[in-house]
Amino acid sequence: MTDTTARPAPTGIVDAHHHIWRAADLPWLQGEMVPRIFGPYEPIRRDYPVSEYVEEATACGITSAVYVQANWPLDRSLDEVRWLRETHAETGWPTAVVGSADLFDEGAAEVMRRQAALTPLMRGTRLQLHWHERPEFRFASAPDRMKDPVFRRNIASLADLGWLFELQVFAGQMADAASFVDDFPDVTFVLVHAGMLDGSEARRVAEWKRGLRLLAERPNVVVKLTGQGTFVHRVDRALIETVADTCLEAFGSHRCMWGSNFPIEKIWTDLPTLVSTWREVLSRRSAQVAQNVFAATARRVYRL
């Protein structure tokens, strides 16, 4: 039975998914805007420094934060980590780092070993695998890139590093993703943006729910409740309730964690609105559920 007693959100929120950047490091922010998965993005075509993020985050009760790679050129993956090392030394933020490497290249394992040697902040890597029939929604060149043998060898190397992999796929890719995850039982996979529900049509929601349940059957998969404004370009409480309820039912709160996805979500909202909406949605649940989603799961998964 759902506990409907309202409770305050826990203190010490962990933001399990955010970015900071210097626009000059990101070619995708420069030049003419092109259609992208999150729509028009003029408001973020600028520097988003750690000082701005920390001011916004701490005002909302965020005390720890996991930086997730922001699509620097892959040949600058080490530069990204060096910059984050310097940023952390100066400010204490971010608390942990998920980097990037060209996982379709034979040299990626060595790049990741060098990243690990640069800083103990490293926790894992992300290479976006999501593919969609709509070109502006896709990142990968094909829906089944996770079957590539070089990619799979590089994923296998994560176990030796003690790193996780941030798994970003659409519902139509989740069956393949479940088989992929099965082949690497010693690696933790973090399902990004709760599996990227891209529409409200009954067929799409049903496909997404089936895929989530399939991945939830794999004990080495956890899920991030992030990025729910990506396709609707607003803070949509009904959508957040659907995502929260579905993920909590499938994974349990001990495998669910919240993240801001700032500054991407900053295109259409401010951080207090985003945090307060999630607090309200989770207030229908027990205090322990809220604690897990807002902090405990991320602290365990990212070893904070």
Protein backbone atom coordinates (compact mmCIF):
# COMPACT_ATOMS: atom_id res chain seq x y z
CA MET A 1 0.00 0.00 0.00
CA THR A 2 1.38 3.42 -0.96
CA ASP A 3 2.31 5.63 1.97
CA THR A 4 0.65 8.98 1.26
CA THR A 5 1.90 10.78 4.35
CA ALA A 6 3.80 13.91 3.30
CA ARG A 7 7.36 14.04 4.59
CA PRO A 8 10.17 16.51 4.08
CA ALA A 9 12.78 15.56 1.51
CA PRO A 10 16.06 14.31 2.98
CA THR A 11 18.92 16.72 3.44
CA GLY A 12 22.11 16.25 1.51
CA ILE A 13 20.80 15.55 -1.99
CA VAL A 14 23.16 13.88 -4.45
CA ASP A 15 22.85 15.10 -8.03
CA ALA A 16 23.71 11.94 -9.95
CA HIS A 17 23.84 13.59 -13.38
CA HIS A 18 25.03 17.09 -14.24
CA HIS A 19 27.41 18.90 -16.56
CA ILE A 20 29.64 21.94 -16.41
CA TRP A 21 31.54 23.29 -19.38
CA ARG A 22 33.51 25.89 -21.22
CA ALA A 23 31.73 26.42 -24.52
CA ALA A 24 35.04 26.63 -26.38
CA ASP A 25 35.69 22.94 -25.55
CA LEU A 26 32.43 21.73 -27.11
CA PRO A 27 32.12 22.00 -30.89
CA TRP A 28 28.45 21.00 -30.69
CA LEU A 29 27.71 24.26 -28.84
CA GLN A 30 29.39 26.38 -31.50
CA GLY A 31 28.35 27.45 -34.96
CA GLU A 32 24.82 27.34 -36.29
CA MET A 33 22.23 25.53 -34.16
CA VAL A 34 21.06 22.20 -35.57
CA PRO A 35 18.05 20.05 -34.58
CA ARG A 36 18.85 18.13 -31.39
CA ILE A 37 17.09 15.74 -29.07
CA PHE A 38 16.31 18.47 -26.53
CA GLY A 39 15.08 21.05 -29.03
CA PRO A 40 16.36 24.64 -29.44
CA TYR A 41 19.28 25.27 -27.11
CA GLU A 42 20.28 28.91 -27.47
CA PRO A 43 20.20 29.51 -23.66
CA ILE A 44 23.04 27.05 -23.06
CA ARG A 45 25.32 28.07 -25.93
CA ARG A 46 27.67 29.67 -23.40
CA ASP A 47 29.98 28.75 -20.56
CA TYR A 48 28.30 26.94 -17.67
CA PRO A 49 30.97 27.22 -14.96
CA VAL A 50 31.16 25.25 -11.76
CA SER A 51 30.51 28.43 -9.77
CA GLU A 52 27.10 28.85 -11.38
CA TYR A 53 26.20 25.21 -10.90
CA VAL A 54 27.29 25.15 -7.25
CA GLU A 55 25.34 28.32 -6.43
CA GLU A 56 22.18 26.80 -7.91
CA ALA A 57 22.75 23.34 -6.48
CA THR A 58 23.60 24.23 -2.91
CA ALA A 59 20.58 26.54 -2.71
CA CYS A 60 18.45 23.45 -3.41
CA GLY A 61 20.15 21.24 -0.82
CA ILE A 62 22.53 19.43 -3.17
CA THR A 63 25.75 18.55 -1.35
CA SER A 64 27.37 16.08 -3.77
CA ALA A 65 27.35 15.87 -7.54
CA VAL A 66 28.36 13.44 -10.28
CA TYR A 67 29.68 15.07 -13.44
CA VAL A 68 28.79 13.16 -16.61
CA GLN A 69 30.79 13.72 -19.77
CA ALA A 70 29.53 16.53 -21.98
CA ASN A 71 30.60 15.32 -25.42
CA TRP A 72 34.01 16.87 -25.71
CA PRO A 73 35.73 15.61 -28.88
CA LEU A 74 36.74 12.03 -28.13
CA ASP A 75 40.37 12.76 -28.91
CA ARG A 76 40.29 15.19 -25.96
CA SER A 77 38.92 12.73 -23.39
CA LEU A 78 42.05 13.12 -21.26
CA ASP A 79 41.87 16.91 -21.45
CA GLU A 80 38.32 16.79 -20.09
CA VAL A 81 39.44 14.78 -17.07
CA ARG A 82 42.45 17.05 -16.47
CA TRP A 83 40.14 20.08 -16.47
CA LEU A 84 37.78 18.40 -14.01
CA ARG A 85 40.70 17.46 -11.77
CA GLU A 86 41.75 21.11 -11.68
CA THR A 87 38.17 22.28 -11.12
CA HIS A 88 37.76 19.91 -8.18
CA ALA A 89 41.10 20.96 -6.68
CA GLU A 90 39.97 24.60 -6.78
CA THR A 91 36.35 24.20 -5.65
CA GLY A 92 35.71 20.70 -4.26
CA TRP A 93 33.21 20.07 -7.08
CA PRO A 94 32.30 17.78 -8.75
CA THR A 95 32.34 14.91 -6.26
CA ALA A 96 32.81 12.20 -8.90
CA VAL A 97 33.33 11.98 -12.66
CA VAL A 98 31.95 9.83 -15.46
CA GLY A 99 34.24 10.37 -18.41
CA SER A 100 34.29 9.42 -22.06
CA ALA A 101 36.44 7.49 -24.48
CA ASP A 102 36.01 6.20 -28.01
CA LEU A 103 34.81 2.74 -27.04
CA PHE A 104 34.81 1.66 -30.68
CA ASP A 105 38.59 2.12 -30.78
CA GLU A 106 41.11 -0.51 -29.71
CA GLY A 107 42.97 2.09 -27.67
CA ALA A 108 40.05 3.03 -25.42
CA ALA A 109 41.07 0.77 -22.53
CA GLU A 110 44.43 2.52 -22.32
CA VAL A 111 42.73 5.94 -22.43
CA MET A 112 40.53 4.91 -19.51
CA ARG A 113 43.51 3.61 -17.54
CA ARG A 114 45.19 6.98 -18.06
CA GLN A 115 42.05 8.77 -16.90
CA ALA A 116 42.01 6.65 -13.76
CA ALA A 117 45.64 7.55 -13.12
CA LEU A 118 44.86 11.26 -13.48
CA THR A 119 42.35 11.44 -10.62
CA PRO A 120 40.56 9.25 -8.07
CA LEU A 121 37.35 11.08 -8.98
CA MET A 122 36.79 8.71 -11.92
CA ARG A 123 33.86 6.31 -11.55
CA GLY A 124 32.95 5.24 -15.06
CA THR A 125 32.40 6.12 -18.68
CA ARG A 126 29.59 7.00 -21.05
CA LEU A 127 29.25 6.62 -24.80
CA GLN A 128 25.71 7.30 -25.91
CA LEU A 129 24.18 4.36 -27.76
CA HIS A 130 20.69 5.73 -28.30
CA TRP A 131 19.29 5.40 -31.82
CA HIS A 132 15.88 6.56 -33.01
CA GLU A 133 13.96 6.66 -36.26
CA ARG A 134 13.99 10.46 -35.95
CA PRO A 135 17.47 11.67 -36.92
CA GLU A 136 17.53 14.53 -34.40
CA PHE A 137 16.86 12.04 -31.58
CA ARG A 138 19.71 9.68 -32.41
CA PHE A 139 23.32 9.73 -31.30
CA ALA A 140 24.59 6.30 -32.35
CA SER A 141 25.06 5.48 -36.02
CA ALA A 142 22.97 2.30 -35.74
CA PRO A 143 20.62 0.76 -33.16
CA ASP A 144 22.82 -2.26 -32.47
CA ARG A 145 26.25 -0.70 -31.92
CA MET A 146 26.50 -2.46 -28.56
CA LYS A 147 27.16 -5.69 -30.52
CA ASP A 148 30.44 -4.35 -31.92
CA PRO A 149 33.31 -6.64 -30.80
CA VAL A 150 35.76 -3.80 -30.08
CA PHE A 151 33.14 -1.98 -28.03
CA ARG A 152 32.45 -5.14 -26.06
CA ARG A 153 36.13 -5.71 -25.31
CA ASN A 154 36.35 -2.19 -23.97
CA ILE A 155 33.28 -2.70 -21.79
CA ALA A 156 34.90 -5.85 -20.40
CA SER A 157 37.88 -3.75 -19.29
CA LEU A 158 35.64 -1.72 -16.97
CA ALA A 159 35.50 -4.56 -14.46
CA ASP A 160 39.26 -4.34 -13.84
CA LEU A 161 38.98 -0.59 -13.32
CA GLY A 162 36.02 -0.95 -10.99
CA TRP A 163 34.09 1.40 -13.25
CA LEU A 164 30.46 1.50 -14.32
CA PHE A 165 28.96 2.16 -17.74
CA GLU A 166 26.26 4.76 -18.31
CA LEU A 167 23.81 3.01 -20.63
CA GLN A 168 21.75 5.37 -22.78
CA VAL A 169 19.22 3.65 -25.03
CA PHE A 170 15.63 3.98 -26.19
CA ALA A 171 12.91 1.44 -25.45
CA GLY A 172 13.31 -0.27 -28.82
CA GLN A 173 16.92 -1.09 -27.95
CA MET A 174 16.27 -2.47 -24.48
CA ALA A 175 15.95 -6.13 -25.43
CA ASP A 176 19.40 -6.00 -27.03
CA ALA A 177 20.64 -4.01 -24.02
CA ALA A 178 19.41 -6.71 -21.64
CA SER A 179 21.38 -9.36 -23.53
CA PHE A 180 24.38 -7.07 -23.59
CA VAL A 181 24.22 -6.49 -19.84
CA ASP A 182 23.97 -10.24 -19.23
CA ASP A 183 27.37 -10.71 -20.86
CA PHE A 184 29.10 -8.42 -18.33
CA PRO A 185 27.85 -9.46 -14.88
CA ASP A 186 30.79 -7.80 -13.12
CA VAL A 187 30.02 -4.35 -14.55
CA THR A 188 27.33 -2.02 -13.16
CA PHE A 189 25.17 -0.40 -15.83
CA VAL A 190 23.39 2.88 -15.10
CA LEU A 191 20.32 3.38 -17.28
CA VAL A 192 20.39 7.07 -18.19
CA HIS A 193 17.26 9.25 -18.21
CA ALA A 194 15.08 6.34 -17.05
CA GLY A 195 15.22 4.77 -20.49
CA MET A 196 14.24 7.91 -22.42
CA LEU A 197 10.45 7.74 -22.69
CA ASP A 198 9.93 9.75 -25.86
CA GLY A 199 6.16 10.07 -26.11
CA SER A 200 2.85 9.74 -24.31
CA GLU A 201 1.14 7.44 -26.80
CA ALA A 202 -0.04 4.21 -25.17
CA ARG A 203 2.07 2.07 -27.52
CA ARG A 204 5.26 3.94 -26.69
CA VAL A 205 4.62 3.93 -22.96
CA ALA A 206 3.87 0.20 -23.00
CA GLU A 207 7.06 -0.55 -24.97
CA TRP A 208 9.09 1.56 -22.53
CA LYS A 209 7.58 -0.18 -19.50
CA ARG A 210 8.31 -3.62 -20.98
CA GLY A 211 11.90 -2.64 -21.65
CA LEU A 212 12.38 -1.22 -18.16
CA ARG A 213 11.07 -4.38 -16.54
CA LEU A 214 13.38 -6.46 -18.71
CA LEU A 215 16.40 -4.44 -17.63
CA ALA A 216 15.26 -4.41 -14.01
CA GLU A 217 15.51 -8.21 -14.01
CA ARG A 218 19.28 -7.75 -14.36
CA PRO A 219 20.76 -7.15 -10.90
CA ASN A 220 23.69 -5.17 -12.30
CA VAL A 221 21.42 -2.43 -13.72
CA VAL A 222 20.37 0.69 -11.81
CA VAL A 223 18.38 3.62 -13.16
CA LYS A 224 18.73 7.40 -13.11
CA LEU A 225 15.54 9.44 -12.82
CA THR A 226 16.90 12.22 -14.99
CA GLY A 227 16.17 14.10 -18.17
CA GLN A 228 12.38 14.03 -18.06
CA GLY A 229 12.14 17.38 -19.81
CA THR A 230 14.08 16.18 -22.85
CA PHE A 231 11.10 15.56 -25.11
CA VAL A 232 8.42 17.78 -23.53
CA HIS A 233 10.63 20.84 -22.81
CA ARG A 234 9.07 21.56 -19.43
CA VAL A 235 8.75 20.16 -15.92
CA ASP A 236 5.75 17.87 -16.40
CA ARG A 237 4.55 16.54 -13.06
CA ALA A 238 2.32 13.85 -14.59
CA LEU A 239 5.23 12.52 -16.63
CA ILE A 240 7.52 12.59 -13.58
CA GLU A 241 4.91 10.64 -11.60
CA THR A 242 4.71 8.02 -14.37
CA VAL A 243 8.48 7.67 -14.54
CA ALA A 244 8.91 7.57 -10.75
CA ASP A 245 6.13 5.05 -10.19
CA THR A 246 7.26 2.77 -13.01
CA CYS A 247 10.93 2.81 -12.07
CA LEU A 248 10.30 2.37 -8.35
CA GLU A 249 8.00 -0.56 -9.02
CA ALA A 250 10.45 -2.23 -11.39
CA PHE A 251 13.79 -1.50 -9.72
CA GLY A 252 12.98 -0.61 -6.12
CA SER A 253 14.24 2.62 -4.57
CA HIS A 254 17.61 1.05 -3.75
CA ARG A 255 18.31 0.99 -7.51
CA CYS A 256 16.85 4.41 -8.39
CA MET A 257 18.61 7.77 -8.12
CA TRP A 258 17.80 11.35 -9.01
CA GLY A 259 19.83 13.79 -11.08
CA SER A 260 19.28 17.29 -12.45
CA ASN A 261 20.67 16.98 -15.97
CA PHE A 262 21.66 20.62 -15.63
CA PRO A 263 22.30 22.73 -17.60
CA ILE A 264 20.32 20.90 -20.30
CA GLU A 265 17.13 21.14 -18.23
CA LYS A 266 18.00 24.79 -17.63
CA ILE A 267 16.76 25.43 -21.18
CA TRP A 268 13.18 25.21 -19.85
CA THR A 269 13.29 25.34 -16.05
CA ASP A 270 15.15 26.53 -13.00
CA LEU A 271 16.60 24.09 -10.50
CA PRO A 272 14.27 24.92 -7.55
CA THR A 273 11.23 24.08 -9.69
CA LEU A 274 12.74 20.79 -10.81
CA VAL A 275 13.82 19.73 -7.32
CA SER A 276 10.57 20.76 -5.65
CA THR A 277 8.50 18.83 -8.19
CA TRP A 278 10.47 15.67 -7.53
CA ARG A 279 10.18 16.26 -3.78
CA GLU A 280 6.41 16.55 -4.10
CA VAL A 281 6.14 13.41 -6.19
CA LEU A 282 8.31 11.39 -3.80
CA SER A 283 6.48 12.75 -0.74
CA ARG A 284 3.78 10.16 -1.50
CA ARG A 285 6.36 7.51 -0.67
CA SER A 286 8.11 6.57 2.55
CA ALA A 287 10.98 8.59 3.94
CA GLN A 288 13.33 5.72 3.10
CA VAL A 289 12.29 5.73 -0.56
CA ALA A 290 12.98 9.46 -0.80
CA GLN A 291 16.32 9.04 0.97
CA ASN A 292 17.35 6.31 -1.45
CA VAL A 293 16.35 8.22 -4.56
CA PHE A 294 17.80 11.55 -3.47
CA ALA A 295 21.02 10.29 -1.93
CA ALA A 296 21.66 6.75 -0.71
CA THR A 297 21.55 4.92 -4.04
CA ALA A 298 23.89 7.37 -5.73
CA ARG A 299 26.28 7.33 -2.77
CA ARG A 300 26.52 3.56 -3.05
CA VAL A 301 26.67 3.30 -6.85
CA TYR A 302 29.22 6.11 -7.30
CA ARG A 303 31.12 5.32 -4.06
CA LEU A 304 30.78 8.86 -2.70
